[in-house]
Amino acid sequence: MVPPRDRLGEHSRRKRGLLTGPNPTDRGKNGSKIYLITDRNGLPLSLGTSAANLHDSRALKPLICGIPPVRSRRGPRRRKPDKLHADKGYDYAHLRRWL
């Protein structure tokens, strides 16, 4: 009888390098994220980068504050968008209140 092996851990380290652990979410590698806010036509309004281990919700406020003021015919200039489409990583009550 052949003794069992750690098939998943052995395979992942061999395939992806020495820093790769057996769990795909705990690889310990360095990385970064790129955040981008665009208008409805795809024109970039704000761009940001962060470490890969920073939660998406923590990057939203600096991105929104980085949008240049929008001129309107009436009223003060706006910085915050009237409508924002984002994924679940940004869906928190404190961010909704802030917007």
N, C-alpha and C. Protein backbone atom coordinates (compact mmCIF):
# COMPACT_ATOMS: atom_id res chain seq x y z
N MET A 1 0.84 -1.18 0.00
CA MET A 1 0.00 0.00 0.00
C MET A 1 0.89 1.25 0.00
N VAL A 2 0.50 2.24 -0.77
CA VAL A 2 1.27 3.47 -0.91
C VAL A 2 0.79 4.47 0.13
N PRO A 3 1.71 5.12 0.90
CA PRO A 3 1.26 6.12 1.89
C PRO A 3 0.67 7.35 1.20
N PRO A 4 -0.35 7.97 1.81
CA PRO A 4 -0.96 9.17 1.20
C PRO A 4 0.02 10.34 1.20
N ARG A 5 -0.13 11.19 0.21
CA ARG A 5 0.71 12.39 0.10
C ARG A 5 -0.17 13.63 0.16
N ASP A 6 0.45 14.75 0.45
CA ASP A 6 -0.24 16.04 0.42
C ASP A 6 -0.26 16.51 -1.03
N ARG A 7 -1.19 15.99 -1.79
CA ARG A 7 -1.21 16.25 -3.23
C ARG A 7 -1.43 17.73 -3.55
N LEU A 8 -2.33 18.37 -2.85
CA LEU A 8 -2.64 19.76 -3.19
C LEU A 8 -1.48 20.69 -2.88
N GLY A 9 -0.91 20.58 -1.70
CA GLY A 9 0.19 21.45 -1.31
C GLY A 9 1.44 21.23 -2.16
N GLU A 10 1.76 19.99 -2.42
CA GLU A 10 2.95 19.68 -3.21
C GLU A 10 2.81 20.22 -4.63
N HIS A 11 1.66 20.02 -5.21
CA HIS A 11 1.43 20.46 -6.59
C HIS A 11 1.46 21.97 -6.71
N SER A 12 0.83 22.67 -5.78
CA SER A 12 0.76 24.13 -5.89
C SER A 12 2.14 24.76 -5.71
N ARG A 13 2.97 24.25 -4.81
CA ARG A 13 4.31 24.80 -4.62
C ARG A 13 5.18 24.54 -5.84
N ARG A 14 5.07 23.35 -6.40
CA ARG A 14 5.88 23.01 -7.56
C ARG A 14 5.47 23.88 -8.76
N LYS A 15 4.20 24.13 -8.90
CA LYS A 15 3.71 24.86 -10.07
C LYS A 15 3.95 26.36 -9.97
N ARG A 16 3.80 26.95 -8.76
CA ARG A 16 3.80 28.41 -8.65
C ARG A 16 4.96 28.99 -7.85
N GLY A 17 5.90 28.19 -7.41
CA GLY A 17 7.06 28.74 -6.73
C GLY A 17 7.11 28.41 -5.26
N LEU A 18 8.20 28.80 -4.61
CA LEU A 18 8.44 28.46 -3.21
C LEU A 18 7.57 29.25 -2.24
N LEU A 19 7.12 30.43 -2.61
CA LEU A 19 6.31 31.25 -1.70
C LEU A 19 4.85 30.86 -1.69
N THR A 20 4.47 29.89 -2.49
CA THR A 20 3.08 29.50 -2.60
C THR A 20 2.75 28.46 -1.54
N GLY A 21 1.75 28.72 -0.73
CA GLY A 21 1.32 27.77 0.29
C GLY A 21 0.28 26.82 -0.26
N PRO A 22 -0.17 25.88 0.55
CA PRO A 22 -1.16 24.92 0.09
C PRO A 22 -2.54 25.55 -0.14
N ASN A 23 -2.84 26.64 0.55
CA ASN A 23 -4.13 27.32 0.40
C ASN A 23 -3.98 28.43 -0.64
N PRO A 24 -4.81 28.45 -1.68
CA PRO A 24 -4.64 29.49 -2.71
C PRO A 24 -4.88 30.91 -2.23
N THR A 25 -5.58 31.09 -1.09
CA THR A 25 -5.80 32.45 -0.58
C THR A 25 -4.72 32.88 0.40
N ASP A 26 -3.77 32.00 0.71
CA ASP A 26 -2.72 32.31 1.67
C ASP A 26 -1.35 32.04 1.04
N ARG A 27 -1.07 32.69 -0.03
CA ARG A 27 0.17 32.42 -0.74
C ARG A 27 1.33 33.24 -0.23
N GLY A 28 1.08 34.36 0.41
CA GLY A 28 2.15 35.16 0.97
C GLY A 28 2.96 35.93 -0.05
N LYS A 29 2.45 36.09 -1.24
CA LYS A 29 3.19 36.82 -2.26
C LYS A 29 2.82 38.30 -2.21
N ASN A 30 3.73 39.15 -2.66
CA ASN A 30 3.46 40.58 -2.74
C ASN A 30 2.56 40.86 -3.93
N GLY A 31 1.78 41.93 -3.83
CA GLY A 31 0.92 42.29 -4.94
C GLY A 31 0.33 43.67 -4.74
N SER A 32 -0.43 44.11 -5.72
CA SER A 32 -1.06 45.42 -5.65
C SER A 32 -2.40 45.36 -6.36
N LYS A 33 -3.25 46.33 -6.05
CA LYS A 33 -4.55 46.48 -6.70
C LYS A 33 -4.58 47.84 -7.36
N ILE A 34 -5.27 47.91 -8.47
CA ILE A 34 -5.47 49.17 -9.17
C ILE A 34 -6.97 49.48 -9.14
N TYR A 35 -7.31 50.67 -8.69
CA TYR A 35 -8.70 51.12 -8.62
C TYR A 35 -8.91 52.23 -9.64
N LEU A 36 -10.07 52.23 -10.27
CA LEU A 36 -10.35 53.22 -11.31
C LEU A 36 -11.82 53.61 -11.23
N ILE A 37 -12.08 54.90 -11.23
CA ILE A 37 -13.45 55.42 -11.33
C ILE A 37 -13.56 56.12 -12.68
N THR A 38 -14.59 55.77 -13.43
CA THR A 38 -14.81 56.38 -14.74
C THR A 38 -16.21 56.99 -14.78
N ASP A 39 -16.43 57.86 -15.76
CA ASP A 39 -17.78 58.35 -15.97
C ASP A 39 -18.53 57.32 -16.83
N ARG A 40 -19.77 57.62 -17.18
CA ARG A 40 -20.58 56.64 -17.91
C ARG A 40 -20.04 56.33 -19.30
N ASN A 41 -19.18 57.19 -19.83
CA ASN A 41 -18.60 56.94 -21.15
C ASN A 41 -17.24 56.26 -21.09
N GLY A 42 -16.76 55.96 -19.89
CA GLY A 42 -15.48 55.30 -19.73
C GLY A 42 -14.30 56.23 -19.57
N LEU A 43 -14.54 57.53 -19.45
CA LEU A 43 -13.47 58.50 -19.25
C LEU A 43 -12.97 58.41 -17.80
N PRO A 44 -11.68 58.15 -17.58
CA PRO A 44 -11.17 58.01 -16.22
C PRO A 44 -11.30 59.32 -15.43
N LEU A 45 -11.83 59.22 -14.21
CA LEU A 45 -11.97 60.38 -13.33
C LEU A 45 -10.99 60.33 -12.17
N SER A 46 -10.71 59.12 -11.67
CA SER A 46 -9.82 58.97 -10.53
C SER A 46 -9.16 57.60 -10.60
N LEU A 47 -7.88 57.57 -10.23
CA LEU A 47 -7.10 56.33 -10.29
C LEU A 47 -6.34 56.18 -8.99
N GLY A 48 -6.28 54.96 -8.49
CA GLY A 48 -5.54 54.71 -7.26
C GLY A 48 -4.94 53.32 -7.24
N THR A 49 -3.91 53.15 -6.44
CA THR A 49 -3.30 51.83 -6.24
C THR A 49 -3.16 51.58 -4.75
N SER A 50 -3.11 50.32 -4.38
CA SER A 50 -2.91 49.96 -2.97
C SER A 50 -2.27 48.59 -2.90
N ALA A 51 -1.92 48.19 -1.70
CA ALA A 51 -1.42 46.84 -1.47
C ALA A 51 -2.55 45.84 -1.71
N ALA A 52 -2.20 44.64 -2.06
CA ALA A 52 -3.21 43.63 -2.37
C ALA A 52 -4.02 43.22 -1.15
N ASN A 53 -3.49 43.41 0.05
CA ASN A 53 -4.21 42.98 1.24
C ASN A 53 -5.12 44.06 1.82
N LEU A 54 -5.28 45.19 1.16
CA LEU A 54 -6.18 46.25 1.62
C LEU A 54 -7.59 45.95 1.10
N HIS A 55 -8.57 46.03 1.99
CA HIS A 55 -9.95 45.77 1.57
C HIS A 55 -10.43 46.89 0.64
N ASP A 56 -11.24 46.52 -0.34
CA ASP A 56 -11.71 47.48 -1.33
C ASP A 56 -12.45 48.66 -0.71
N SER A 57 -13.20 48.43 0.35
CA SER A 57 -13.99 49.51 0.95
C SER A 57 -13.11 50.62 1.52
N ARG A 58 -11.88 50.31 1.90
CA ARG A 58 -10.98 51.32 2.46
C ARG A 58 -10.41 52.24 1.39
N ALA A 59 -10.50 51.84 0.13
CA ALA A 59 -9.94 52.64 -0.96
C ALA A 59 -10.97 53.58 -1.59
N LEU A 60 -12.24 53.45 -1.22
CA LEU A 60 -13.27 54.24 -1.90
C LEU A 60 -13.20 55.73 -1.59
N LYS A 61 -13.04 56.10 -0.33
CA LYS A 61 -13.02 57.52 0.02
C LYS A 61 -11.89 58.29 -0.67
N PRO A 62 -10.65 57.79 -0.67
CA PRO A 62 -9.61 58.52 -1.40
C PRO A 62 -9.89 58.63 -2.90
N LEU A 63 -10.52 57.61 -3.47
CA LEU A 63 -10.85 57.67 -4.89
C LEU A 63 -11.90 58.75 -5.17
N ILE A 64 -12.94 58.78 -4.36
CA ILE A 64 -14.00 59.78 -4.55
C ILE A 64 -13.45 61.19 -4.33
N CYS A 65 -12.61 61.36 -3.31
CA CYS A 65 -12.01 62.68 -3.06
C CYS A 65 -11.06 63.10 -4.17
N GLY A 66 -10.56 62.15 -4.93
CA GLY A 66 -9.65 62.45 -6.03
C GLY A 66 -10.34 62.88 -7.31
N ILE A 67 -11.67 62.80 -7.35
CA ILE A 67 -12.41 63.23 -8.54
C ILE A 67 -12.39 64.75 -8.60
N PRO A 68 -11.99 65.33 -9.73
CA PRO A 68 -11.99 66.80 -9.82
C PRO A 68 -13.42 67.35 -9.77
N PRO A 69 -13.59 68.59 -9.31
CA PRO A 69 -14.94 69.18 -9.23
C PRO A 69 -15.59 69.26 -10.61
N VAL A 70 -16.89 68.98 -10.63
CA VAL A 70 -17.66 69.03 -11.87
C VAL A 70 -18.46 70.32 -11.88
N ARG A 71 -18.31 71.07 -12.94
CA ARG A 71 -19.09 72.31 -13.06
C ARG A 71 -20.51 72.00 -13.49
N SER A 72 -21.43 72.76 -12.97
CA SER A 72 -22.82 72.65 -13.40
C SER A 72 -23.34 74.05 -13.68
N ARG A 73 -24.42 74.12 -14.39
CA ARG A 73 -24.98 75.43 -14.75
C ARG A 73 -25.52 76.16 -13.53
N ARG A 74 -26.05 75.38 -12.59
CA ARG A 74 -26.59 75.97 -11.38
C ARG A 74 -26.00 75.28 -10.16
N GLY A 75 -25.86 76.01 -9.11
CA GLY A 75 -25.40 75.44 -7.85
C GLY A 75 -23.89 75.31 -7.75
N PRO A 76 -23.43 74.84 -6.62
CA PRO A 76 -21.99 74.70 -6.40
C PRO A 76 -21.40 73.53 -7.20
N ARG A 77 -20.10 73.53 -7.31
CA ARG A 77 -19.43 72.42 -8.00
C ARG A 77 -19.58 71.14 -7.18
N ARG A 78 -19.74 70.04 -7.89
CA ARG A 78 -19.93 68.75 -7.22
C ARG A 78 -18.65 67.93 -7.29
N ARG A 79 -18.33 67.25 -6.21
CA ARG A 79 -17.21 66.31 -6.20
C ARG A 79 -17.71 64.87 -6.14
N LYS A 80 -18.73 64.64 -5.35
CA LYS A 80 -19.26 63.28 -5.21
C LYS A 80 -20.26 63.01 -6.33
N PRO A 81 -20.23 61.81 -6.87
CA PRO A 81 -21.16 61.49 -7.96
C PRO A 81 -22.60 61.36 -7.46
N ASP A 82 -23.56 61.65 -8.35
CA ASP A 82 -24.96 61.46 -8.01
C ASP A 82 -25.30 59.98 -7.92
N LYS A 83 -24.65 59.18 -8.78
CA LYS A 83 -24.92 57.76 -8.85
C LYS A 83 -23.59 57.02 -8.99
N LEU A 84 -23.42 55.93 -8.25
CA LEU A 84 -22.18 55.17 -8.27
C LEU A 84 -22.50 53.69 -8.40
N HIS A 85 -21.91 53.03 -9.38
CA HIS A 85 -22.06 51.59 -9.56
C HIS A 85 -20.77 50.92 -9.10
N ALA A 86 -20.88 49.96 -8.19
CA ALA A 86 -19.70 49.26 -7.67
C ALA A 86 -20.11 47.84 -7.28
N ASP A 87 -19.11 46.99 -7.02
CA ASP A 87 -19.42 45.63 -6.61
C ASP A 87 -19.63 45.55 -5.10
N LYS A 88 -19.85 44.34 -4.59
CA LYS A 88 -20.19 44.14 -3.18
C LYS A 88 -19.06 44.53 -2.22
N GLY A 89 -17.84 44.64 -2.71
CA GLY A 89 -16.73 45.04 -1.85
C GLY A 89 -16.86 46.46 -1.33
N TYR A 90 -17.74 47.25 -1.93
CA TYR A 90 -17.93 48.65 -1.54
C TYR A 90 -19.29 48.88 -0.89
N ASP A 91 -20.09 47.84 -0.71
CA ASP A 91 -21.47 47.99 -0.24
C ASP A 91 -21.53 47.91 1.29
N TYR A 92 -21.31 49.05 1.93
CA TYR A 92 -21.36 49.16 3.39
C TYR A 92 -22.19 50.38 3.76
N ALA A 93 -22.89 50.27 4.89
CA ALA A 93 -23.77 51.36 5.33
C ALA A 93 -22.99 52.65 5.57
N HIS A 94 -21.81 52.58 6.17
CA HIS A 94 -21.06 53.81 6.45
C HIS A 94 -20.60 54.49 5.16
N LEU A 95 -20.33 53.74 4.10
CA LEU A 95 -19.96 54.35 2.82
C LEU A 95 -21.18 54.95 2.13
N ARG A 96 -22.33 54.30 2.26
CA ARG A 96 -23.55 54.87 1.67
C ARG A 96 -23.91 56.19 2.35
N ARG A 97 -23.77 56.25 3.68
CA ARG A 97 -24.06 57.50 4.38
C ARG A 97 -23.07 58.59 3.98
N TRP A 98 -21.81 58.23 3.82
CA TRP A 98 -20.78 59.21 3.45
C TRP A 98 -21.04 59.78 2.05
N LEU A 99 -21.48 58.93 1.14
CA LEU A 99 -21.78 59.41 -0.21
C LEU A 99 -23.04 60.25 -0.19
